[in-house]
Amino acid sequence: MTKTMIAISQLHKSFGQHEVLKGIDLTINQGEVVVIIGPSGSGKSTLLRTMNLLEVPTKGHISFEGVDITDKANDIFKMREKMACFFSSLICFPI
């Protein structure tokens, strides 16, 4: 039986009036490799940042190993101990 690692349901993210993510649904099962591709400005980084709540979704739900991490009752810091996110640019402060 395949275990669901990440389940995203009707994910939306807006910055002011600009809606970047519009109703994203995605399921990633244990052992799967997923590639997210698209042109610059298409929301790839925003999607990844919402998956570990570096950006808070405007609407929708994200579950990690069956735990809804968008539910404020759950400890996101505990969940992040099991997650990894690598950025192409490792700048901590603006230069």
PDB file of N, CA and C in Angstrom:
ATOM      1  N   MET A   1       0.842  -1.188   0.000  1.00  0.00           N
ATOM      2  CA  MET A   1       0.000   0.000   0.000  1.00  0.00           C
ATOM      3  C   MET A   1       0.885   1.250   0.000  1.00  0.00           C
ATOM      4  N   THR A   2       0.541   2.218  -0.827  1.00  0.00           N
ATOM      5  CA  THR A   2       1.320   3.441  -0.955  1.00  0.00           C
ATOM      6  C   THR A   2       0.891   4.456   0.095  1.00  0.00           C
ATOM      7  N   LYS A   3       1.884   5.024   0.772  1.00  0.00           N
ATOM      8  CA  LYS A   3       1.617   6.022   1.811  1.00  0.00           C
ATOM      9  C   LYS A   3       1.665   7.423   1.192  1.00  0.00           C
ATOM     10  N   THR A   4       0.649   8.226   1.470  1.00  0.00           N
ATOM     11  CA  THR A   4       0.637   9.612   1.004  1.00  0.00           C
ATOM     12  C   THR A   4       1.521  10.447   1.916  1.00  0.00           C
ATOM     13  N   MET A   5       2.519  11.095   1.330  1.00  0.00           N
ATOM     14  CA  MET A   5       3.430  11.944   2.099  1.00  0.00           C
ATOM     15  C   MET A   5       2.923  13.382   2.154  1.00  0.00           C
ATOM     16  N   ILE A   6       2.508  13.899   0.993  1.00  0.00           N
ATOM     17  CA  ILE A   6       2.022  15.276   0.910  1.00  0.00           C
ATOM     18  C   ILE A   6       0.710  15.277   0.133  1.00  0.00           C
ATOM     19  N   ALA A   7      -0.286  15.927   0.690  1.00  0.00           N
ATOM     20  CA  ALA A   7      -1.571  16.090   0.007  1.00  0.00           C
ATOM     21  C   ALA A   7      -1.941  17.569   0.059  1.00  0.00           C
ATOM     22  N   ILE A   8      -2.114  18.153  -1.108  1.00  0.00           N
ATOM     23  CA  ILE A   8      -2.478  19.565  -1.220  1.00  0.00           C
ATOM     24  C   ILE A   8      -3.869  19.629  -1.838  1.00  0.00           C
ATOM     25  N   SER A   9      -4.739  20.410  -1.213  1.00  0.00           N
ATOM     26  CA  SER A   9      -6.126  20.488  -1.668  1.00  0.00           C
ATOM     27  C   SER A   9      -6.570  21.940  -1.806  1.00  0.00           C
ATOM     28  N   GLN A  10      -6.967  22.303  -3.027  1.00  0.00           N
ATOM     29  CA  GLN A  10      -7.509  23.634  -3.325  1.00  0.00           C
ATOM     30  C   GLN A  10      -6.652  24.757  -2.736  1.00  0.00           C
ATOM     31  N   LEU A  11      -5.345  24.687  -2.991  1.00  0.00           N
ATOM     32  CA  LEU A  11      -4.396  25.664  -2.456  1.00  0.00           C
ATOM     33  C   LEU A  11      -4.437  26.957  -3.270  1.00  0.00           C
ATOM     34  N   HIS A  12      -4.598  28.058  -2.565  1.00  0.00           N
ATOM     35  CA  HIS A  12      -4.574  29.395  -3.165  1.00  0.00           C
ATOM     36  C   HIS A  12      -3.573  30.240  -2.395  1.00  0.00           C
ATOM     37  N   LYS A  13      -2.861  31.104  -3.122  1.00  0.00           N
ATOM     38  CA  LYS A  13      -1.972  32.073  -2.478  1.00  0.00           C
ATOM     39  C   LYS A  13      -2.038  33.362  -3.271  1.00  0.00           C
ATOM     40  N   SER A  14      -2.348  34.431  -2.557  1.00  0.00           N
ATOM     41  CA  SER A  14      -2.422  35.757  -3.172  1.00  0.00           C
ATOM     42  C   SER A  14      -1.463  36.693  -2.469  1.00  0.00           C
ATOM     43  N   PHE A  15      -0.925  37.615  -3.243  1.00  0.00           N
ATOM     44  CA  PHE A  15      -0.140  38.723  -2.715  1.00  0.00           C
ATOM     45  C   PHE A  15      -0.910  39.982  -3.097  1.00  0.00           C
ATOM     46  N   GLY A  16      -1.640  40.529  -2.138  1.00  0.00           N
ATOM     47  CA  GLY A  16      -2.540  41.639  -2.447  1.00  0.00           C
ATOM     48  C   GLY A  16      -3.628  41.147  -3.384  1.00  0.00           C
ATOM     49  N   GLN A  17      -3.828  41.834  -4.500  1.00  0.00           N
ATOM     50  CA  GLN A  17      -4.841  41.447  -5.484  1.00  0.00           C
ATOM     51  C   GLN A  17      -4.329  40.410  -6.480  1.00  0.00           C
ATOM     52  N   HIS A  18      -3.029  40.106  -6.432  1.00  0.00           N
ATOM     53  CA  HIS A  18      -2.421  39.185  -7.402  1.00  0.00           C
ATOM     54  C   HIS A  18      -2.474  37.744  -6.890  1.00  0.00           C
ATOM     55  N   GLU A  19      -3.330  36.929  -7.500  1.00  0.00           N
ATOM     56  CA  GLU A  19      -3.444  35.524  -7.105  1.00  0.00           C
ATOM     57  C   GLU A  19      -2.400  34.709  -7.868  1.00  0.00           C
ATOM     58  N   VAL A  20      -1.456  34.133  -7.124  1.00  0.00           N
ATOM     59  CA  VAL A  20      -0.344  33.393  -7.724  1.00  0.00           C
ATOM     60  C   VAL A  20      -0.678  31.910  -7.869  1.00  0.00           C
ATOM     61  N   LEU A  21      -1.238  31.314  -6.827  1.00  0.00           N
ATOM     62  CA  LEU A  21      -1.650  29.908  -6.869  1.00  0.00           C
ATOM     63  C   LEU A  21      -3.170  29.861  -6.867  1.00  0.00           C
ATOM     64  N   LYS A  22      -3.734  29.110  -7.803  1.00  0.00           N
ATOM     65  CA  LYS A  22      -5.188  29.116  -7.996  1.00  0.00           C
ATOM     66  C   LYS A  22      -5.737  27.693  -7.958  1.00  0.00           C
ATOM     67  N   GLY A  23      -6.095  27.229  -6.775  1.00  0.00           N
ATOM     68  CA  GLY A  23      -6.759  25.938  -6.649  1.00  0.00           C
ATOM     69  C   GLY A  23      -5.887  24.732  -6.953  1.00  0.00           C
ATOM     70  N   ILE A  24      -4.663  24.731  -6.465  1.00  0.00           N
ATOM     71  CA  ILE A  24      -3.728  23.626  -6.714  1.00  0.00           C
ATOM     72  C   ILE A  24      -4.154  22.387  -5.921  1.00  0.00           C
ATOM     73  N   ASP A  25      -4.228  21.248  -6.604  1.00  0.00           N
ATOM     74  CA  ASP A  25      -4.441  19.944  -5.982  1.00  0.00           C
ATOM     75  C   ASP A  25      -3.250  19.072  -6.366  1.00  0.00           C
ATOM     76  N   LEU A  26      -2.622  18.439  -5.380  1.00  0.00           N
ATOM     77  CA  LEU A  26      -1.432  17.626  -5.643  1.00  0.00           C
ATOM     78  C   LEU A  26      -1.304  16.577  -4.555  1.00  0.00           C
ATOM     79  N   THR A  27      -1.008  15.350  -4.957  1.00  0.00           N
ATOM     80  CA  THR A  27      -0.722  14.279  -4.006  1.00  0.00           C
ATOM     81  C   THR A  27       0.625  13.682  -4.368  1.00  0.00           C
ATOM     82  N   ILE A  28       1.502  13.569  -3.373  1.00  0.00           N
ATOM     83  CA  ILE A  28       2.816  12.954  -3.560  1.00  0.00           C
ATOM     84  C   ILE A  28       2.901  11.770  -2.610  1.00  0.00           C
ATOM     85  N   ASN A  29       3.105  10.598  -3.186  1.00  0.00           N
ATOM     86  CA  ASN A  29       3.188   9.378  -2.397  1.00  0.00           C
ATOM     87  C   ASN A  29       4.638   9.038  -2.064  1.00  0.00           C
ATOM     88  N   GLN A  30       4.814   8.260  -1.017  1.00  0.00           N
ATOM     89  CA  GLN A  30       6.145   7.841  -0.594  1.00  0.00           C
ATOM     90  C   GLN A  30       6.853   7.157  -1.764  1.00  0.00           C
ATOM     91  N   GLY A  31       8.104   7.548  -1.995  1.00  0.00           N
ATOM     92  CA  GLY A  31       8.913   6.961  -3.052  1.00  0.00           C
ATOM     93  C   GLY A  31       8.793   7.650  -4.395  1.00  0.00           C
ATOM     94  N   GLU A  32       7.828   8.526  -4.557  1.00  0.00           N
ATOM     95  CA  GLU A  32       7.670   9.238  -5.827  1.00  0.00           C
ATOM     96  C   GLU A  32       8.677  10.377  -5.929  1.00  0.00           C
ATOM     97  N   VAL A  33       9.078  10.654  -7.150  1.00  0.00           N
ATOM     98  CA  VAL A  33       9.901  11.815  -7.451  1.00  0.00           C
ATOM     99  C   VAL A  33       9.036  12.747  -8.289  1.00  0.00           C
ATOM    100  N   VAL A  34       8.937  13.996  -7.857  1.00  0.00           N
ATOM    101  CA  VAL A  34       8.086  14.968  -8.533  1.00  0.00           C
ATOM    102  C   VAL A  34       8.943  16.149  -8.967  1.00  0.00           C
ATOM    103  N   VAL A  35       8.734  16.596 -10.186  1.00  0.00           N
ATOM    104  CA  VAL A  35       9.440  17.757 -10.713  1.00  0.00           C
ATOM    105  C   VAL A  35       8.405  18.837 -10.993  1.00  0.00           C
ATOM    106  N   ILE A  36       8.684  20.036 -10.530  1.00  0.00           N
ATOM    107  CA  ILE A  36       7.793  21.173 -10.777  1.00  0.00           C
ATOM    108  C   ILE A  36       8.517  22.108 -11.732  1.00  0.00           C
ATOM    109  N   ILE A  37       7.972  22.263 -12.930  1.00  0.00           N
ATOM    110  CA  ILE A  37       8.608  23.104 -13.931  1.00  0.00           C
ATOM    111  C   ILE A  37       7.629  24.160 -14.421  1.00  0.00           C
ATOM    112  N   GLY A  38       8.182  25.235 -14.933  1.00  0.00           N
ATOM    113  CA  GLY A  38       7.355  26.294 -15.490  1.00  0.00           C
ATOM    114  C   GLY A  38       8.190  27.535 -15.704  1.00  0.00           C
ATOM    115  N   PRO A  39       7.654  28.490 -16.425  1.00  0.00           N
ATOM    116  CA  PRO A  39       8.395  29.720 -16.691  1.00  0.00           C
ATOM    117  C   PRO A  39       8.554  30.572 -15.433  1.00  0.00           C
ATOM    118  N   SER A  40       9.439  31.516 -15.514  1.00  0.00           N
ATOM    119  CA  SER A  40       9.664  32.459 -14.422  1.00  0.00           C
ATOM    120  C   SER A  40       8.358  33.162 -14.076  1.00  0.00           C
ATOM    121  N   GLY A  41       8.059  33.227 -12.777  1.00  0.00           N
ATOM    122  CA  GLY A  41       6.854  33.913 -12.330  1.00  0.00           C
ATOM    123  C   GLY A  41       5.597  33.062 -12.338  1.00  0.00           C
ATOM    124  N   SER A  42       5.733  31.767 -12.602  1.00  0.00           N
ATOM    125  CA  SER A  42       4.540  30.911 -12.692  1.00  0.00           C
ATOM    126  C   SER A  42       4.075  30.353 -11.353  1.00  0.00           C
ATOM    127  N   GLY A  43       4.838  30.588 -10.270  1.00  0.00           N
ATOM    128  CA  GLY A  43       4.402  30.161  -8.941  1.00  0.00           C
ATOM    129  C   GLY A  43       5.119  28.945  -8.379  1.00  0.00           C
ATOM    130  N   LYS A  44       6.170  28.473  -9.053  1.00  0.00           N
ATOM    131  CA  LYS A  44       6.901  27.290  -8.578  1.00  0.00           C
ATOM    132  C   LYS A  44       7.464  27.506  -7.182  1.00  0.00           C
ATOM    133  N   SER A  45       8.180  28.579  -6.980  1.00  0.00           N
ATOM    134  CA  SER A  45       8.787  28.862  -5.670  1.00  0.00           C
ATOM    135  C   SER A  45       7.722  29.130  -4.618  1.00  0.00           C
ATOM    136  N   THR A  46       6.670  29.807  -5.004  1.00  0.00           N
ATOM    137  CA  THR A  46       5.578  30.068  -4.060  1.00  0.00           C
ATOM    138  C   THR A  46       4.940  28.762  -3.616  1.00  0.00           C
ATOM    139  N   LEU A  47       4.740  27.835  -4.541  1.00  0.00           N
ATOM    140  CA  LEU A  47       4.193  26.528  -4.177  1.00  0.00           C
ATOM    141  C   LEU A  47       5.103  25.830  -3.173  1.00  0.00           C
ATOM    142  N   LEU A  48       6.397  25.802  -3.449  1.00  0.00           N
ATOM    143  CA  LEU A  48       7.337  25.141  -2.536  1.00  0.00           C
ATOM    144  C   LEU A  48       7.371  25.835  -1.180  1.00  0.00           C
ATOM    145  N   ARG A  49       7.313  27.151  -1.181  1.00  0.00           N
ATOM    146  CA  ARG A  49       7.344  27.890   0.087  1.00  0.00           C
ATOM    147  C   ARG A  49       6.060  27.682   0.898  1.00  0.00           C
ATOM    148  N   THR A  50       4.933  27.476   0.227  1.00  0.00           N
ATOM    149  CA  THR A  50       3.704  27.196   0.973  1.00  0.00           C
ATOM    150  C   THR A  50       3.698  25.771   1.515  1.00  0.00           C
ATOM    151  N   MET A  51       4.420  24.873   0.863  1.00  0.00           N
ATOM    152  CA  MET A  51       4.425  23.474   1.299  1.00  0.00           C
ATOM    153  C   MET A  51       5.067  23.284   2.668  1.00  0.00           C
ATOM    154  N   ASN A  52       5.903  24.237   3.092  1.00  0.00           N
ATOM    155  CA  ASN A  52       6.446  24.151   4.461  1.00  0.00           C
ATOM    156  C   ASN A  52       6.104  25.399   5.273  1.00  0.00           C
ATOM    157  N   LEU A  53       5.101  26.120   4.801  1.00  0.00           N
ATOM    158  CA  LEU A  53       4.541  27.313   5.459  1.00  0.00           C
ATOM    159  C   LEU A  53       5.533  28.452   5.642  1.00  0.00           C
ATOM    160  N   LEU A  54       6.531  28.540   4.763  1.00  0.00           N
ATOM    161  CA  LEU A  54       7.322  29.768   4.724  1.00  0.00           C
ATOM    162  C   LEU A  54       6.449  30.895   4.177  1.00  0.00           C
ATOM    163  N   GLU A  55       5.471  30.520   3.367  1.00  0.00           N
ATOM    164  CA  GLU A  55       4.389  31.410   2.935  1.00  0.00           C
ATOM    165  C   GLU A  55       3.093  30.770   3.411  1.00  0.00           C
ATOM    166  N   VAL A  56       2.238  31.532   4.040  1.00  0.00           N
ATOM    167  CA  VAL A  56       0.962  30.998   4.529  1.00  0.00           C
ATOM    168  C   VAL A  56      -0.053  31.044   3.388  1.00  0.00           C
ATOM    169  N   PRO A  57      -0.690  29.925   3.083  1.00  0.00           N
ATOM    170  CA  PRO A  57      -1.683  29.921   2.006  1.00  0.00           C
ATOM    171  C   PRO A  57      -2.854  30.856   2.312  1.00  0.00           C
ATOM    172  N   THR A  58      -3.416  31.444   1.271  1.00  0.00           N
ATOM    173  CA  THR A  58      -4.612  32.256   1.413  1.00  0.00           C
ATOM    174  C   THR A  58      -5.819  31.367   1.698  1.00  0.00           C
ATOM    175  N   LYS A  59      -5.879  30.221   1.021  1.00  0.00           N
ATOM    176  CA  LYS A  59      -6.945  29.225   1.195  1.00  0.00           C
ATOM    177  C   LYS A  59      -6.365  27.853   0.912  1.00  0.00           C
ATOM    178  N   GLY A  60      -7.070  26.831   1.366  1.00  0.00           N
ATOM    179  CA  GLY A  60      -6.694  25.461   1.050  1.00  0.00           C
ATOM    180  C   GLY A  60      -6.013  24.757   2.208  1.00  0.00           C
ATOM    181  N   HIS A  61      -5.681  23.499   1.958  1.00  0.00           N
ATOM    182  CA  HIS A  61      -5.083  22.667   2.999  1.00  0.00           C
ATOM    183  C   HIS A  61      -3.857  21.940   2.465  1.00  0.00           C
ATOM    184  N   ILE A  62      -2.876  21.766   3.344  1.00  0.00           N
ATOM    185  CA  ILE A  62      -1.679  20.993   3.042  1.00  0.00           C
ATOM    186  C   ILE A  62      -1.498  19.991   4.169  1.00  0.00           C
ATOM    187  N   SER A  63      -1.417  18.719   3.808  1.00  0.00           N
ATOM    188  CA  SER A  63      -1.170  17.677   4.802  1.00  0.00           C
ATOM    189  C   SER A  63       0.191  17.054   4.544  1.00  0.00           C
ATOM    190  N   PHE A  64       0.929  16.819   5.609  1.00  0.00           N
ATOM    191  CA  PHE A  64       2.225  16.152   5.544  1.00  0.00           C
ATOM    192  C   PHE A  64       2.141  14.932   6.445  1.00  0.00           C
ATOM    193  N   GLU A  65       2.302  13.760   5.856  1.00  0.00           N
ATOM    194  CA  GLU A  65       2.167  12.486   6.571  1.00  0.00           C
ATOM    195  C   GLU A  65       0.838  12.410   7.331  1.00  0.00           C
ATOM    196  N   GLY A  66      -0.227  12.908   6.708  1.00  0.00           N
ATOM    197  CA  GLY A  66      -1.558  12.830   7.293  1.00  0.00           C
ATOM    198  C   GLY A  66      -1.914  13.922   8.278  1.00  0.00           C
ATOM    199  N   VAL A  67      -0.982  14.838   8.556  1.00  0.00           N
ATOM    200  CA  VAL A  67      -1.231  15.928   9.502  1.00  0.00           C
ATOM    201  C   VAL A  67      -1.455  17.214   8.714  1.00  0.00           C
ATOM    202  N   ASP A  68      -2.573  17.879   8.954  1.00  0.00           N
ATOM    203  CA  ASP A  68      -2.891  19.139   8.275  1.00  0.00           C
ATOM    204  C   ASP A  68      -2.008  20.239   8.856  1.00  0.00           C
ATOM    205  N   ILE A  69      -0.958  20.610   8.115  1.00  0.00           N
ATOM    206  CA  ILE A  69      -0.023  21.618   8.630  1.00  0.00           C
ATOM    207  C   ILE A  69      -0.582  23.027   8.513  1.00  0.00           C
ATOM    208  N   THR A  70      -1.683  23.197   7.772  1.00  0.00           N
ATOM    209  CA  THR A  70      -2.310  24.517   7.706  1.00  0.00           C
ATOM    210  C   THR A  70      -3.223  24.763   8.898  1.00  0.00           C
ATOM    211  N   ASP A  71      -3.452  23.742   9.704  1.00  0.00           N
ATOM    212  CA  ASP A  71      -4.228  23.877  10.942  1.00  0.00           C
ATOM    213  C   ASP A  71      -3.296  24.429  12.018  1.00  0.00           C
ATOM    214  N   LYS A  72      -3.586  25.616  12.505  1.00  0.00           N
ATOM    215  CA  LYS A  72      -2.708  26.287  13.472  1.00  0.00           C
ATOM    216  C   LYS A  72      -2.561  25.526  14.782  1.00  0.00           C
ATOM    217  N   ALA A  73      -3.434  24.544  15.028  1.00  0.00           N
ATOM    218  CA  ALA A  73      -3.323  23.732  16.244  1.00  0.00           C
ATOM    219  C   ALA A  73      -2.141  22.763  16.158  1.00  0.00           C
ATOM    220  N   ASN A  74      -1.653  22.498  14.941  1.00  0.00           N
ATOM    221  CA  ASN A  74      -0.525  21.584  14.762  1.00  0.00           C
ATOM    222  C   ASN A  74       0.792  22.352  14.782  1.00  0.00           C
ATOM    223  N   ASP A  75       1.820  21.730  15.310  1.00  0.00           N
ATOM    224  CA  ASP A  75       3.131  22.356  15.484  1.00  0.00           C
ATOM    225  C   ASP A  75       3.938  22.264  14.191  1.00  0.00           C
ATOM    226  N   ILE A  76       4.001  23.363  13.430  1.00  0.00           N
ATOM    227  CA  ILE A  76       4.735  23.369  12.166  1.00  0.00           C
ATOM    228  C   ILE A  76       6.217  23.124  12.393  1.00  0.00           C
ATOM    229  N   PHE A  77       6.758  23.568  13.510  1.00  0.00           N
ATOM    230  CA  PHE A  77       8.182  23.368  13.771  1.00  0.00           C
ATOM    231  C   PHE A  77       8.495  21.881  13.926  1.00  0.00           C
ATOM    232  N   LYS A  78       7.602  21.129  14.528  1.00  0.00           N
ATOM    233  CA  LYS A  78       7.764  19.677  14.657  1.00  0.00           C
ATOM    234  C   LYS A  78       7.714  19.025  13.278  1.00  0.00           C
ATOM    235  N   MET A  79       6.815  19.497  12.421  1.00  0.00           N
ATOM    236  CA  MET A  79       6.704  18.951  11.070  1.00  0.00           C
ATOM    237  C   MET A  79       7.949  19.274  10.248  1.00  0.00           C
ATOM    238  N   ARG A  80       8.487  20.480  10.413  1.00  0.00           N
ATOM    239  CA  ARG A  80       9.663  20.889   9.636  1.00  0.00           C
ATOM    240  C   ARG A  80      10.898  20.059   9.965  1.00  0.00           C
ATOM    241  N   GLU A  81      10.915  19.393  11.115  1.00  0.00           N
ATOM    242  CA  GLU A  81      12.036  18.514  11.446  1.00  0.00           C
ATOM    243  C   GLU A  81      12.136  17.356  10.455  1.00  0.00           C
ATOM    244  N   LYS A  82      11.048  17.065   9.751  1.00  0.00           N
ATOM    245  CA  LYS A  82      11.015  15.960   8.794  1.00  0.00           C
ATOM    246  C   LYS A  82      11.069  16.444   7.347  1.00  0.00           C
ATOM    247  N   MET A  83      11.150  17.760   7.140  1.00  0.00           N
ATOM    248  CA  MET A  83      11.112  18.335   5.796  1.00  0.00           C
ATOM    249  C   MET A  83      12.469  18.929   5.440  1.00  0.00           C
ATOM    250  N   ALA A  84      12.688  19.078   4.146  1.00  0.00           N
ATOM    251  CA  ALA A  84      13.879  19.776   3.673  1.00  0.00           C
ATOM    252  C   ALA A  84      13.489  20.610   2.460  1.00  0.00           C
ATOM    253  N   CYS A  85      14.072  21.776   2.375  1.00  0.00           N
ATOM    254  CA  CYS A  85      13.836  22.649   1.236  1.00  0.00           C
ATOM    255  C   CYS A  85      15.161  23.299   0.874  1.00  0.00           C
ATOM    256  N   PHE A  86      15.562  23.174  -0.377  1.00  0.00           N
ATOM    257  CA  PHE A  86      16.819  23.738  -0.834  1.00  0.00           C
ATOM    258  C   PHE A  86      16.523  24.813  -1.864  1.00  0.00           C
ATOM    259  N   PHE A  87      17.130  25.964  -1.678  1.00  0.00           N
ATOM    260  CA  PHE A  87      16.916  27.079  -2.586  1.00  0.00           C
ATOM    261  C   PHE A  87      18.140  27.255  -3.473  1.00  0.00           C
ATOM    262  N   SER A  88      17.930  27.731  -4.679  1.00  0.00           N
ATOM    263  CA  SER A  88      19.044  27.912  -5.607  1.00  0.00           C
ATOM    264  C   SER A  88      19.933  29.075  -5.197  1.00  0.00           C
ATOM    265  N   SER A  89      19.413  29.983  -4.410  1.00  0.00           N
ATOM    266  CA  SER A  89      20.176  31.132  -3.933  1.00  0.00           C
ATOM    267  C   SER A  89      20.127  31.145  -2.412  1.00  0.00           C
ATOM    268  N   LEU A  90      21.282  31.101  -1.780  1.00  0.00           N
ATOM    269  CA  LEU A  90      21.350  31.019  -0.323  1.00  0.00           C
ATOM    270  C   LEU A  90      21.699  32.364   0.302  1.00  0.00           C
ATOM    271  N   ILE A  91      20.967  33.385  -0.025  1.00  0.00           N
ATOM    272  CA  ILE A  91      21.208  34.713   0.526  1.00  0.00           C
ATOM    273  C   ILE A  91      20.305  34.908   1.736  1.00  0.00           C
ATOM    274  N   CYS A  92      20.920  35.185   2.875  1.00  0.00           N
ATOM    275  CA  CYS A  92      20.142  35.399   4.097  1.00  0.00           C
ATOM    276  C   CYS A  92      19.705  36.850   4.233  1.00  0.00           C
ATOM    277  N   PHE A  93      20.507  37.749   3.717  1.00  0.00           N
ATOM    278  CA  PHE A  93      20.224  39.172   3.831  1.00  0.00           C
ATOM    279  C   PHE A  93      20.380  39.814   2.459  1.00  0.00           C
ATOM    280  N   PRO A  94      19.586  40.817   2.160  1.00  0.00           N
ATOM    281  CA  PRO A  94      19.738  41.506   0.871  1.00  0.00           C
ATOM    282  C   PRO A  94      21.136  42.107   0.744  1.00  0.00           C
ATOM    283  N   ILE A  95      21.675  42.020  -0.440  1.00  0.00           N
ATOM    284  CA  ILE A  95      23.020  42.580  -0.689  1.00  0.00           C
ATOM    285  C   ILE A  95      22.886  43.905  -1.405  1.00  0.00           C
TER     286      ILE A  95
END
